[in-house]
C-alpha cells in the first residue's frame, strides 16, 4: 500500500479514518502500520509511545479536536466553516472512544513528533507567553542547512516575543561565543535579550513563563517532550537559574575569563576532564568542540606545563594546582 498524499485534516482519507478507529479500539498502532496515512501523525491524531518509539498511541478524539479548533482563530471566517466539518467528522469518533467531553486542561506530558510539529508547539507557547523564555542551546552543526533553517525559525519567534516587551535568557557553551551565526543572531535582536556561556551545559531546553518546558525526546531531535507538570518545570527552571549565576556574560556586555600563568579558561576546563580520565573524544563532546581542536588545546596545555606524556600531564596538572585557582 502506498502512502496517501498530504491533505488537510478536514479531508481525512478513508485509510486514515480506518487506522484511527483501529487505534482507538486497540489502544495503539505500530509505526509501520500508520505509514499509509501520515496525516494521522501530522495532525496529532497519533503520537509516539513514550516507552516504545515503534508504537503510536491514539490521542483522544475530543482532545485532538480541541487542539485543532484552537488554531482556527488565525483565519476566523474560513475556520468557522472548517470547525463545523471537524465537529461532524469527530462526533462518531468520540462516541467510539467513549470520552465525549473536551478536557479542561492540556496533558501533563506530550510527545511531539517531527520538526514541524515541535516548532509549531514552541511557537504557540511563546505566542502566549507573558513574561520570559529561558533557553539552553548546546553546540550543534550551525553550518548545516537544517541548522540554518532552525535558526531562522527561532529568530523570527524571538523577535516577535521581544517586540512584546518580554525577555529571553539563553545559555551557550564557551565554544559558541565567537560563532558567526550566533553573533549575527544577536545583531538582529532588539529588546531584553541576554546570553551567557559555560564550559558545559545541559541538553537543549526551552522554558516558557516557568509553566511549560520543551526538551529532547531522542538523540536525533525528531522527538520532543512538552512538559506541563509544575514540579518538573519548576525543577528545570531552578537548575537553569543556578547555571545562569555560574555563567560568564556574553551579550549584551561580554566578559572575558582571564588567562592565569599561560593557562587559558578553556585549557583549565580540559585539564579538569583530563584528570577525571576522559578520552579526547569525550572531552571534545563535553566542551562542544571537534576532536582536532581538543587535541590542539591538550598539546598547548602539555607544552605550557612541560609534559612529555599523557600520564605525566595528569601529574603536572595536579601539582600545578591550576584547578584550585579562581578564574
Foldseek 3Di string as FASTA:
>chain_A
DAADDDDDPLCQDPLNVVVLLVLLVVQKDFPVSCRNYCVCQVLVQWAADLVDRRIIGGDQLLQSLVVVLVVLVVPVVVVVVSNVSSCVVSVVVNVSNVNVDRDPDDDQKGKRFAPVRVLVVVLVLLVPFDAEKEKEAEADPCVDPVNVVVLVSVLVSQQVSQVVQHEYEYEYAPVCLPPPSVVVSVVPHDHHYWYFHHQADDAIKMAGPLQWIKGDSDDVRRMIMIGRDNVVSNVVVVVSVVVVVVTATRPPDGDADDADQNQHPLLLLLLVVLLVPDDLCVSCVRRVHDSVVSVVSVVSQCVSQVHDDSVVSNVSCVVVCPNVDDD
